Full PDB file with SEQRES, HELIX, SHEET, SSBOND, CRYST1, ORIGX, SCALE, CONECT and MASTER records, all heavy atoms in Angstrom:
SEQRES   1 A   36  ILE LYS GLU LEU SER GLY GLY ASN GLN GLN LYS VAL LEU          
SEQRES   2 A   36  LEU ALA ARG TRP LEU CYS THR ASN PRO LYS ILE LEU ILE          
SEQRES   3 A   36  VAL ASP GLU PRO THR ARG GLY ILE ASP ILE                      
HELIX    1 AA1 GLY A    6  LEU A   18  1                                  13    
CRYST1    1.000    1.000    1.000  90.00  90.00  90.00 P 1           1          
ORIGX1      1.000000  0.000000  0.000000        0.00000                         
ORIGX2      0.000000  1.000000  0.000000        0.00000                         
ORIGX3      0.000000  0.000000  1.000000        0.00000                         
SCALE1      1.000000  0.000000  0.000000        0.00000                         
SCALE2      0.000000  1.000000  0.000000        0.00000                         
SCALE3      0.000000  0.000000  1.000000        0.00000                         
ATOM      1  N   ILE A   1       0.823  -1.209   0.000  1.00  0.00           N  
ATOM      2  CA  ILE A   1       0.000   0.000   0.000  1.00  0.00           C  
ATOM      3  C   ILE A   1       0.856   1.258   0.000  1.00  0.00           C  
ATOM      4  O   ILE A   1       0.427   2.296  -0.500  1.00  0.00           O  
ATOM      5  CB  ILE A   1      -0.981  -0.015   1.201  1.00  0.00           C  
ATOM      6  CG1 ILE A   1      -2.054   1.068   1.021  1.00  0.00           C  
ATOM      7  CG2 ILE A   1      -0.221   0.173   2.512  1.00  0.00           C  
ATOM      8  CD1 ILE A   1      -3.180   1.007   2.045  1.00  0.00           C  
ATOM      9  N   LYS A   2       2.073   1.180   0.499  1.00  0.00           N  
ATOM     10  CA  LYS A   2       2.935   2.363   0.554  1.00  0.00           C  
ATOM     11  C   LYS A   2       3.304   2.869  -0.843  1.00  0.00           C  
ATOM     12  O   LYS A   2       3.738   4.009  -0.996  1.00  0.00           O  
ATOM     13  CB  LYS A   2       4.203   2.070   1.350  1.00  0.00           C  
ATOM     14  CG  LYS A   2       5.123   1.033   0.720  1.00  0.00           C  
ATOM     15  CD  LYS A   2       6.309   0.744   1.613  1.00  0.00           C  
ATOM     16  CE  LYS A   2       7.225  -0.335   1.011  1.00  0.00           C  
ATOM     17  NZ  LYS A   2       8.343  -0.658   1.918  1.00  0.00           N  
ATOM     18  N   GLU A   3       3.107   2.013  -1.873  1.00  0.00           N  
ATOM     19  CA  GLU A   3       3.438   2.417  -3.237  1.00  0.00           C  
ATOM     20  C   GLU A   3       2.307   3.188  -3.908  1.00  0.00           C  
ATOM     21  O   GLU A   3       2.486   3.725  -5.001  1.00  0.00           O  
ATOM     22  CB  GLU A   3       3.795   1.185  -4.068  1.00  0.00           C  
ATOM     23  CG  GLU A   3       5.050   0.459  -3.586  1.00  0.00           C  
ATOM     24  CD  GLU A   3       5.371  -0.766  -4.423  1.00  0.00           C  
ATOM     25  OE1 GLU A   3       4.624  -1.037  -5.388  1.00  0.00           O  
ATOM     26  OE2 GLU A   3       6.368  -1.442  -4.122  1.00  0.00           O  
ATOM     27  N   LEU A   4       1.138   3.253  -3.281  1.00  0.00           N  
ATOM     28  CA  LEU A   4      -0.003   3.950  -3.861  1.00  0.00           C  
ATOM     29  C   LEU A   4       0.061   5.450  -3.569  1.00  0.00           C  
ATOM     30  O   LEU A   4       0.717   5.887  -2.630  1.00  0.00           O  
ATOM     31  CB  LEU A   4      -1.317   3.392  -3.297  1.00  0.00           C  
ATOM     32  CG  LEU A   4      -1.629   1.913  -3.521  1.00  0.00           C  
ATOM     33  CD1 LEU A   4      -3.037   1.603  -3.026  1.00  0.00           C  
ATOM     34  CD2 LEU A   4      -1.478   1.521  -4.974  1.00  0.00           C  
ATOM     35  N   SER A   5      -0.660   6.214  -4.387  1.00  0.00           N  
ATOM     36  CA  SER A   5      -0.797   7.647  -4.123  1.00  0.00           C  
ATOM     37  C   SER A   5      -1.625   7.853  -2.863  1.00  0.00           C  
ATOM     38  O   SER A   5      -2.322   6.935  -2.395  1.00  0.00           O  
ATOM     39  CB  SER A   5      -1.491   8.332  -5.298  1.00  0.00           C  
ATOM     40  OG  SER A   5      -2.845   7.886  -5.392  1.00  0.00           O  
ATOM     41  N   GLY A   6      -1.580   9.079  -2.312  1.00  0.00           N  
ATOM     42  CA  GLY A   6      -2.339   9.368  -1.102  1.00  0.00           C  
ATOM     43  C   GLY A   6      -3.830   9.146  -1.283  1.00  0.00           C  
ATOM     44  O   GLY A   6      -4.517   8.616  -0.402  1.00  0.00           O  
ATOM     45  N   GLY A   7      -4.371   9.557  -2.456  1.00  0.00           N  
ATOM     46  CA  GLY A   7      -5.788   9.383  -2.705  1.00  0.00           C  
ATOM     47  C   GLY A   7      -6.198   7.926  -2.748  1.00  0.00           C  
ATOM     48  O   GLY A   7      -7.256   7.539  -2.225  1.00  0.00           O  
ATOM     49  N   ASN A   8      -5.367   7.081  -3.359  1.00  0.00           N  
ATOM     50  CA  ASN A   8      -5.688   5.655  -3.431  1.00  0.00           C  
ATOM     51  C   ASN A   8      -5.498   4.956  -2.086  1.00  0.00           C  
ATOM     52  O   ASN A   8      -6.244   4.031  -1.753  1.00  0.00           O  
ATOM     53  CB  ASN A   8      -4.846   4.981  -4.525  1.00  0.00           C  
ATOM     54  CG  ASN A   8      -5.363   5.290  -5.912  1.00  0.00           C  
ATOM     55  OD1 ASN A   8      -6.474   4.926  -6.272  1.00  0.00           O  
ATOM     56  ND2 ASN A   8      -4.564   5.997  -6.690  1.00  0.00           N  
ATOM     57  N   GLN A   9      -4.533   5.406  -1.292  1.00  0.00           N  
ATOM     58  CA  GLN A   9      -4.414   4.883   0.074  1.00  0.00           C  
ATOM     59  C   GLN A   9      -5.679   5.192   0.871  1.00  0.00           C  
ATOM     60  O   GLN A   9      -6.182   4.338   1.604  1.00  0.00           O  
ATOM     61  CB  GLN A   9      -3.200   5.501   0.769  1.00  0.00           C  
ATOM     62  CG  GLN A   9      -1.860   5.007   0.277  1.00  0.00           C  
ATOM     63  CD  GLN A   9      -0.709   5.670   0.996  1.00  0.00           C  
ATOM     64  OE1 GLN A   9      -0.894   6.491   1.893  1.00  0.00           O  
ATOM     65  NE2 GLN A   9       0.512   5.330   0.600  1.00  0.00           N  
ATOM     66  N   GLN A  10      -6.213   6.415   0.700  1.00  0.00           N  
ATOM     67  CA  GLN A  10      -7.417   6.801   1.428  1.00  0.00           C  
ATOM     68  C   GLN A  10      -8.611   5.951   0.992  1.00  0.00           C  
ATOM     69  O   GLN A  10      -9.454   5.579   1.813  1.00  0.00           O  
ATOM     70  CB  GLN A  10      -7.703   8.281   1.199  1.00  0.00           C  
ATOM     71  CG  GLN A  10      -8.675   8.895   2.187  1.00  0.00           C  
ATOM     72  CD  GLN A  10      -8.079   9.089   3.568  1.00  0.00           C  
ATOM     73  OE1 GLN A  10      -7.049   8.534   3.908  1.00  0.00           O  
ATOM     74  NE2 GLN A  10      -8.739   9.871   4.391  1.00  0.00           N  
ATOM     75  N   LYS A  11      -8.678   5.608  -0.283  1.00  0.00           N  
ATOM     76  CA  LYS A  11      -9.756   4.745  -0.768  1.00  0.00           C  
ATOM     77  C   LYS A  11      -9.662   3.350  -0.158  1.00  0.00           C  
ATOM     78  O   LYS A  11     -10.687   2.734   0.163  1.00  0.00           O  
ATOM     79  CB  LYS A  11      -9.716   4.654  -2.294  1.00  0.00           C  
ATOM     80  CG  LYS A  11     -10.145   5.914  -3.015  1.00  0.00           C  
ATOM     81  CD  LYS A  11     -10.106   5.692  -4.516  1.00  0.00           C  
ATOM     82  CE  LYS A  11     -10.515   6.930  -5.275  1.00  0.00           C  
ATOM     83  NZ  LYS A  11     -10.473   6.709  -6.749  1.00  0.00           N  
ATOM     84  N   VAL A  12      -8.446   2.843   0.020  1.00  0.00           N  
ATOM     85  CA  VAL A  12      -8.270   1.538   0.658  1.00  0.00           C  
ATOM     86  C   VAL A  12      -8.788   1.578   2.097  1.00  0.00           C  
ATOM     87  O   VAL A  12      -9.447   0.648   2.564  1.00  0.00           O  
ATOM     88  CB  VAL A  12      -6.794   1.090   0.619  1.00  0.00           C  
ATOM     89  CG1 VAL A  12      -6.591  -0.185   1.457  1.00  0.00           C  
ATOM     90  CG2 VAL A  12      -6.342   0.852  -0.813  1.00  0.00           C  
ATOM     91  N   LEU A  13      -8.494   2.682   2.796  1.00  0.00           N  
ATOM     92  CA  LEU A  13      -8.980   2.813   4.180  1.00  0.00           C  
ATOM     93  C   LEU A  13     -10.494   2.927   4.239  1.00  0.00           C  
ATOM     94  O   LEU A  13     -11.127   2.379   5.149  1.00  0.00           O  
ATOM     95  CB  LEU A  13      -8.325   4.026   4.851  1.00  0.00           C  
ATOM     96  CG  LEU A  13      -6.803   3.932   5.044  1.00  0.00           C  
ATOM     97  CD1 LEU A  13      -6.281   5.186   5.725  1.00  0.00           C  
ATOM     98  CD2 LEU A  13      -6.428   2.707   5.860  1.00  0.00           C  
ATOM     99  N   LEU A  14     -11.089   3.620   3.279  1.00  0.00           N  
ATOM    100  CA  LEU A  14     -12.547   3.657   3.205  1.00  0.00           C  
ATOM    101  C   LEU A  14     -13.101   2.257   2.957  1.00  0.00           C  
ATOM    102  O   LEU A  14     -14.075   1.833   3.593  1.00  0.00           O  
ATOM    103  CB  LEU A  14     -12.997   4.606   2.090  1.00  0.00           C  
ATOM    104  CG  LEU A  14     -12.866   6.103   2.365  1.00  0.00           C  
ATOM    105  CD1 LEU A  14     -13.093   6.906   1.090  1.00  0.00           C  
ATOM    106  CD2 LEU A  14     -13.846   6.551   3.432  1.00  0.00           C  
ATOM    107  N   ALA A  15     -12.465   1.532   2.055  1.00  0.00           N  
ATOM    108  CA  ALA A  15     -12.905   0.169   1.747  1.00  0.00           C  
ATOM    109  C   ALA A  15     -12.781  -0.746   2.959  1.00  0.00           C  
ATOM    110  O   ALA A  15     -13.594  -1.663   3.139  1.00  0.00           O  
ATOM    111  CB  ALA A  15     -12.093  -0.391   0.577  1.00  0.00           C  
ATOM    112  N   ARG A  16     -11.751  -0.492   3.803  1.00  0.00           N  
ATOM    113  CA  ARG A  16     -11.562  -1.314   5.008  1.00  0.00           C  
ATOM    114  C   ARG A  16     -12.837  -1.337   5.849  1.00  0.00           C  
ATOM    115  O   ARG A  16     -13.208  -2.384   6.397  1.00  0.00           O  
ATOM    116  CB  ARG A  16     -10.392  -0.768   5.835  1.00  0.00           C  
ATOM    117  CG  ARG A  16     -10.195  -1.469   7.167  1.00  0.00           C  
ATOM    118  CD  ARG A  16      -9.113  -0.796   7.998  1.00  0.00           C  
ATOM    119  NE  ARG A  16      -7.810  -0.930   7.376  1.00  0.00           N  
ATOM    120  CZ  ARG A  16      -6.708  -0.312   7.811  1.00  0.00           C  
ATOM    121  NH1 ARG A  16      -6.793   0.512   8.871  1.00  0.00           N  
ATOM    122  NH2 ARG A  16      -5.555  -0.480   7.211  1.00  0.00           N  
ATOM    123  N   TRP A  17     -13.497  -0.180   5.947  1.00  0.00           N  
ATOM    124  CA  TRP A  17     -14.710  -0.115   6.762  1.00  0.00           C  
ATOM    125  C   TRP A  17     -15.965  -0.436   5.970  1.00  0.00           C  
ATOM    126  O   TRP A  17     -16.897  -1.041   6.494  1.00  0.00           O  
ATOM    127  CB  TRP A  17     -14.814   1.263   7.424  1.00  0.00           C  
ATOM    128  CG  TRP A  17     -13.712   1.464   8.405  1.00  0.00           C  
ATOM    129  CD1 TRP A  17     -12.623   2.273   8.283  1.00  0.00           C  
ATOM    130  CD2 TRP A  17     -13.548   0.766   9.646  1.00  0.00           C  
ATOM    131  NE1 TRP A  17     -11.805   2.142   9.369  1.00  0.00           N  
ATOM    132  CE2 TRP A  17     -12.345   1.229  10.235  1.00  0.00           C  
ATOM    133  CE3 TRP A  17     -14.301  -0.186  10.331  1.00  0.00           C  
ATOM    134  CZ2 TRP A  17     -11.874   0.774  11.458  1.00  0.00           C  
ATOM    135  CZ3 TRP A  17     -13.845  -0.646  11.550  1.00  0.00           C  
ATOM    136  CH2 TRP A  17     -12.643  -0.175  12.099  1.00  0.00           C  
ATOM    137  N   LEU A  18     -15.978  -0.073   4.701  1.00  0.00           N  
ATOM    138  CA  LEU A  18     -17.161  -0.370   3.893  1.00  0.00           C  
ATOM    139  C   LEU A  18     -17.401  -1.871   3.759  1.00  0.00           C  
ATOM    140  O   LEU A  18     -18.548  -2.321   3.707  1.00  0.00           O  
ATOM    141  CB  LEU A  18     -17.020   0.267   2.504  1.00  0.00           C  
ATOM    142  CG  LEU A  18     -17.023   1.789   2.465  1.00  0.00           C  
ATOM    143  CD1 LEU A  18     -16.821   2.289   1.046  1.00  0.00           C  
ATOM    144  CD2 LEU A  18     -18.301   2.349   3.063  1.00  0.00           C  
ATOM    145  N   CYS A  19     -16.322  -2.648   3.741  1.00  0.00           N  
ATOM    146  CA  CYS A  19     -16.502  -4.098   3.605  1.00  0.00           C  
ATOM    147  C   CYS A  19     -17.067  -4.731   4.876  1.00  0.00           C  
ATOM    148  O   CYS A  19     -17.491  -5.883   4.865  1.00  0.00           O  
ATOM    149  CB  CYS A  19     -15.206  -4.784   3.177  1.00  0.00           C  
ATOM    150  SG  CYS A  19     -13.881  -4.789   4.392  1.00  0.00           S  
ATOM    151  N   THR A  20     -17.102  -3.975   5.985  1.00  0.00           N  
ATOM    152  CA  THR A  20     -17.751  -4.478   7.205  1.00  0.00           C  
ATOM    153  C   THR A  20     -19.238  -4.143   7.222  1.00  0.00           C  
ATOM    154  O   THR A  20     -19.933  -4.472   8.190  1.00  0.00           O  
ATOM    155  CB  THR A  20     -17.087  -3.883   8.466  1.00  0.00           C  
ATOM    156  OG1 THR A  20     -17.354  -2.475   8.529  1.00  0.00           O  
ATOM    157  CG2 THR A  20     -15.581  -4.137   8.468  1.00  0.00           C  
ATOM    158  N   ASN A  21     -19.717  -3.458   6.163  1.00  0.00           N  
ATOM    159  CA  ASN A  21     -21.122  -3.053   6.038  1.00  0.00           C  
ATOM    160  C   ASN A  21     -21.564  -2.210   7.226  1.00  0.00           C  
ATOM    161  O   ASN A  21     -22.512  -2.543   7.944  1.00  0.00           O  
ATOM    162  CB  ASN A  21     -22.028  -4.289   5.904  1.00  0.00           C  
ATOM    163  CG  ASN A  21     -23.427  -3.925   5.442  1.00  0.00           C  
ATOM    164  OD1 ASN A  21     -23.620  -2.924   4.755  1.00  0.00           O  
ATOM    165  ND2 ASN A  21     -24.406  -4.731   5.835  1.00  0.00           N  
ATOM    166  N   PRO A  22     -20.909  -1.054   7.443  1.00  0.00           N  
ATOM    167  CA  PRO A  22     -21.222  -0.230   8.617  1.00  0.00           C  
ATOM    168  C   PRO A  22     -22.531   0.527   8.450  1.00  0.00           C  
ATOM    169  O   PRO A  22     -23.018   0.736   7.336  1.00  0.00           O  
ATOM    170  CB  PRO A  22     -20.035   0.735   8.672  1.00  0.00           C  
ATOM    171  CG  PRO A  22     -19.670   0.918   7.232  1.00  0.00           C  
ATOM    172  CD  PRO A  22     -19.887  -0.424   6.590  1.00  0.00           C  
ATOM    173  N   LYS A  23     -23.068   0.970   9.578  1.00  0.00           N  
ATOM    174  CA  LYS A  23     -24.217   1.865   9.560  1.00  0.00           C  
ATOM    175  C   LYS A  23     -23.765   3.318   9.673  1.00  0.00           C  
ATOM    176  O   LYS A  23     -24.411   4.225   9.151  1.00  0.00           O  
ATOM    177  CB  LYS A  23     -25.156   1.537  10.725  1.00  0.00           C  
ATOM    178  CG  LYS A  23     -25.768   0.139  10.664  1.00  0.00           C  
ATOM    179  CD  LYS A  23     -26.618  -0.110  11.899  1.00  0.00           C  
ATOM    180  CE  LYS A  23     -27.212  -1.513  11.878  1.00  0.00           C  
ATOM    181  NZ  LYS A  23     -28.003  -1.792  13.117  1.00  0.00           N  
ATOM    182  N   ILE A  24     -22.661   3.504  10.389  1.00  0.00           N  
ATOM    183  CA  ILE A  24     -22.124   4.849  10.624  1.00  0.00           C  
ATOM    184  C   ILE A  24     -20.639   4.835  10.276  1.00  0.00           C  
ATOM    185  O   ILE A  24     -19.888   3.983  10.753  1.00  0.00           O  
ATOM    186  CB  ILE A  24     -22.292   5.268  12.097  1.00  0.00           C  
ATOM    187  CG1 ILE A  24     -23.772   5.253  12.502  1.00  0.00           C  
ATOM    188  CG2 ILE A  24     -21.678   6.642  12.346  1.00  0.00           C  
ATOM    189  CD1 ILE A  24     -23.982   5.275  14.007  1.00  0.00           C  
ATOM    190  N   LEU A  25     -20.210   5.783   9.434  1.00  0.00           N  
ATOM    191  CA  LEU A  25     -18.809   5.891   9.062  1.00  0.00           C  
ATOM    192  C   LEU A  25     -18.301   7.277   9.451  1.00  0.00           C  
ATOM    193  O   LEU A  25     -18.847   8.293   9.022  1.00  0.00           O  
ATOM    194  CB  LEU A  25     -18.621   5.681   7.564  1.00  0.00           C  
ATOM    195  CG  LEU A  25     -17.179   5.750   7.051  1.00  0.00           C  
ATOM    196  CD1 LEU A  25     -16.328   4.643   7.680  1.00  0.00           C  
ATOM    197  CD2 LEU A  25     -17.130   5.665   5.529  1.00  0.00           C  
ATOM    198  N   ILE A  26     -17.267   7.307  10.300  1.00  0.00           N  
ATOM    199  CA  ILE A  26     -16.628   8.564  10.705  1.00  0.00           C  
ATOM    200  C   ILE A  26     -15.376   8.738   9.855  1.00  0.00           C  
ATOM    201  O   ILE A  26     -14.513   7.852   9.821  1.00  0.00           O  
ATOM    202  CB  ILE A  26     -16.243   8.542  12.194  1.00  0.00           C  
ATOM    203  CG1 ILE A  26     -17.452   8.185  13.063  1.00  0.00           C  
ATOM    204  CG2 ILE A  26     -15.662   9.884  12.618  1.00  0.00           C  
ATOM    205  CD1 ILE A  26     -17.101   7.873  14.503  1.00  0.00           C  
ATOM    206  N   VAL A  27     -15.277   9.866   9.174  1.00  0.00           N  
ATOM    207  CA  VAL A  27     -14.089  10.146   8.362  1.00  0.00           C  
ATOM    208  C   VAL A  27     -13.471  11.448   8.876  1.00  0.00           C  
ATOM    209  O   VAL A  27     -14.089  12.496   8.840  1.00  0.00           O  
ATOM    210  CB  VAL A  27     -14.417  10.239   6.855  1.00  0.00           C  
ATOM    211  CG1 VAL A  27     -14.690   8.864   6.290  1.00  0.00           C  
ATOM    212  CG2 VAL A  27     -15.604  11.152   6.581  1.00  0.00           C  
ATOM    213  N   ASP A  28     -12.254  11.354   9.383  1.00  0.00           N  
ATOM    214  CA  ASP A  28     -11.553  12.486   9.979  1.00  0.00           C  
ATOM    215  C   ASP A  28     -10.515  12.994   8.990  1.00  0.00           C  
ATOM    216  O   ASP A  28      -9.549  12.306   8.680  1.00  0.00           O  
ATOM    217  CB  ASP A  28     -10.895  12.049  11.290  1.00  0.00           C  
ATOM    218  CG  ASP A  28     -10.424  13.222  12.136  1.00  0.00           C  
ATOM    219  OD1 ASP A  28     -10.478  14.362  11.649  1.00  0.00           O  
ATOM    220  OD2 ASP A  28      -9.997  12.990  13.284  1.00  0.00           O  
ATOM    221  N   GLU A  29     -10.716  14.203   8.479  1.00  0.00           N  
ATOM    222  CA  GLU A  29      -9.859  14.810   7.447  1.00  0.00           C  
ATOM    223  C   GLU A  29      -9.666  13.836   6.273  1.00  0.00           C  
ATOM    224  O   GLU A  29      -8.553  13.414   5.956  1.00  0.00           O  
ATOM    225  CB  GLU A  29      -8.495  15.206   8.036  1.00  0.00           C  
ATOM    226  CG  GLU A  29      -8.564  16.211   9.163  1.00  0.00           C  
ATOM    227  CD  GLU A  29      -8.920  17.611   8.700  1.00  0.00           C  
ATOM    228  OE1 GLU A  29      -9.190  17.803   7.502  1.00  0.00           O  
ATOM    229  OE2 GLU A  29      -8.954  18.523   9.550  1.00  0.00           O  
ATOM    230  N   PRO A  30     -10.755  13.466   5.584  1.00  0.00           N  
ATOM    231  CA  PRO A  30     -10.680  12.413   4.564  1.00  0.00           C  
ATOM    232  C   PRO A  30      -9.851  12.769   3.340  1.00  0.00           C  
ATOM    233  O   PRO A  30      -9.452  11.872   2.594  1.00  0.00           O  
ATOM    234  CB  PRO A  30     -12.149  12.197   4.177  1.00  0.00           C  
ATOM    235  CG  PRO A  30     -12.812  13.493   4.491  1.00  0.00           C  
ATOM    236  CD  PRO A  30     -12.118  14.008   5.718  1.00  0.00           C  
ATOM    237  N   THR A  31      -9.579  14.061   3.116  1.00  0.00           N  
ATOM    238  CA  THR A  31      -8.836  14.435   1.909  1.00  0.00           C  
ATOM    239  C   THR A  31      -7.483  15.063   2.220  1.00  0.00           C  
ATOM    240  O   THR A  31      -6.858  15.647   1.332  1.00  0.00           O  
ATOM    241  CB  THR A  31      -9.657  15.423   1.055  1.00  0.00           C  
ATOM    242  OG1 THR A  31      -9.783  16.655   1.753  1.00  0.00           O  
ATOM    243  CG2 THR A  31     -11.035  14.865   0.735  1.00  0.00           C  
ATOM    244  N   ARG A  32      -7.025  14.943   3.444  1.00  0.00           N  
ATOM    245  CA  ARG A  32      -5.743  15.569   3.804  1.00  0.00           C  
ATOM    246  C   ARG A  32      -4.599  14.913   3.036  1.00  0.00           C  
ATOM    247  O   ARG A  32      -4.481  13.697   2.965  1.00  0.00           O  
ATOM    248  CB  ARG A  32      -5.492  15.449   5.299  1.00  0.00           C  
ATOM    249  CG  ARG A  32      -4.092  15.925   5.718  1.00  0.00           C  
ATOM    250  CD  ARG A  32      -3.965  16.076   7.213  1.00  0.00           C  
ATOM    251  NE  ARG A  32      -4.767  17.215   7.685  1.00  0.00           N  
ATOM    252  CZ  ARG A  32      -5.031  17.459   8.957  1.00  0.00           C  
ATOM    253  NH1 ARG A  32      -4.585  16.643   9.886  1.00  0.00           N  
ATOM    254  NH2 ARG A  32      -5.738  18.504   9.304  1.00  0.00           N  
ATOM    255  N   GLY A  33      -3.748  15.736   2.441  1.00  0.00           N  
ATOM    256  CA  GLY A  33      -2.544  15.248   1.794  1.00  0.00           C  
ATOM    257  C   GLY A  33      -2.763  14.626   0.431  1.00  0.00           C  
ATOM    258  O   GLY A  33      -1.873  13.927  -0.067  1.00  0.00           O  
ATOM    259  N   ILE A  34      -3.920  14.877  -0.208  1.00  0.00           N  
ATOM    260  CA  ILE A  34      -4.131  14.339  -1.545  1.00  0.00           C  
ATOM    261  C   ILE A  34      -4.471  15.484  -2.492  1.00  0.00           C  
ATOM    262  O   ILE A  34      -4.897  16.559  -2.075  1.00  0.00           O  
ATOM    263  CB  ILE A  34      -5.234  13.258  -1.570  1.00  0.00           C  
ATOM    264  CG1 ILE A  34      -6.572  13.802  -1.079  1.00  0.00           C  
ATOM    265  CG2 ILE A  34      -4.819  12.074  -0.725  1.00  0.00           C  
ATOM    266  CD1 ILE A  34      -7.682  12.784  -1.076  1.00  0.00           C  
ATOM    267  N   ASP A  35      -4.281  15.253  -3.811  1.00  0.00           N  
ATOM    268  CA  ASP A  35      -4.441  16.343  -4.773  1.00  0.00           C  
ATOM    269  C   ASP A  35      -5.905  16.689  -4.979  1.00  0.00           C  
ATOM    270  O   ASP A  35      -6.813  15.963  -4.574  1.00  0.00           O  
ATOM    271  CB  ASP A  35      -3.764  16.006  -6.104  1.00  0.00           C  
ATOM    272  CG  ASP A  35      -4.390  14.788  -6.777  1.00  0.00           C  
ATOM    273  OD1 ASP A  35      -5.600  14.819  -7.076  1.00  0.00           O  
ATOM    274  OD2 ASP A  35      -3.675  13.801  -7.010  1.00  0.00           O  
ATOM    275  N   ILE A  36      -6.144  17.814  -5.656  1.00  0.00           N  
ATOM    276  CA  ILE A  36      -7.488  18.362  -5.775  1.00  0.00           C  
ATOM    277  C   ILE A  36      -8.428  17.420  -6.525  1.00  0.00           C  
ATOM    278  O   ILE A  36      -9.613  17.301  -6.198  1.00  0.00           O  
ATOM    279  CB  ILE A  36      -7.444  19.756  -6.449  1.00  0.00           C  
ATOM    280  CG1 ILE A  36      -8.776  20.477  -6.322  1.00  0.00           C  
ATOM    281  CG2 ILE A  36      -7.013  19.647  -7.891  1.00  0.00           C  
ATOM    282  CD1 ILE A  36      -9.097  20.931  -4.941  1.00  0.00           C  
TER     283      ILE A  36                                                      
MASTER        0    0    0    1    0    0    0    6  282    1    0    3          
END                                                                             
């Protein structure tokens, strides 16, 4: 995962929780350090 861009790393982290089928998702600074 360290070889991915910041935006793609963030998508992997989102997927980590989405695959648990959550009801509530907390995202803290979800776009920090990634391009526009």
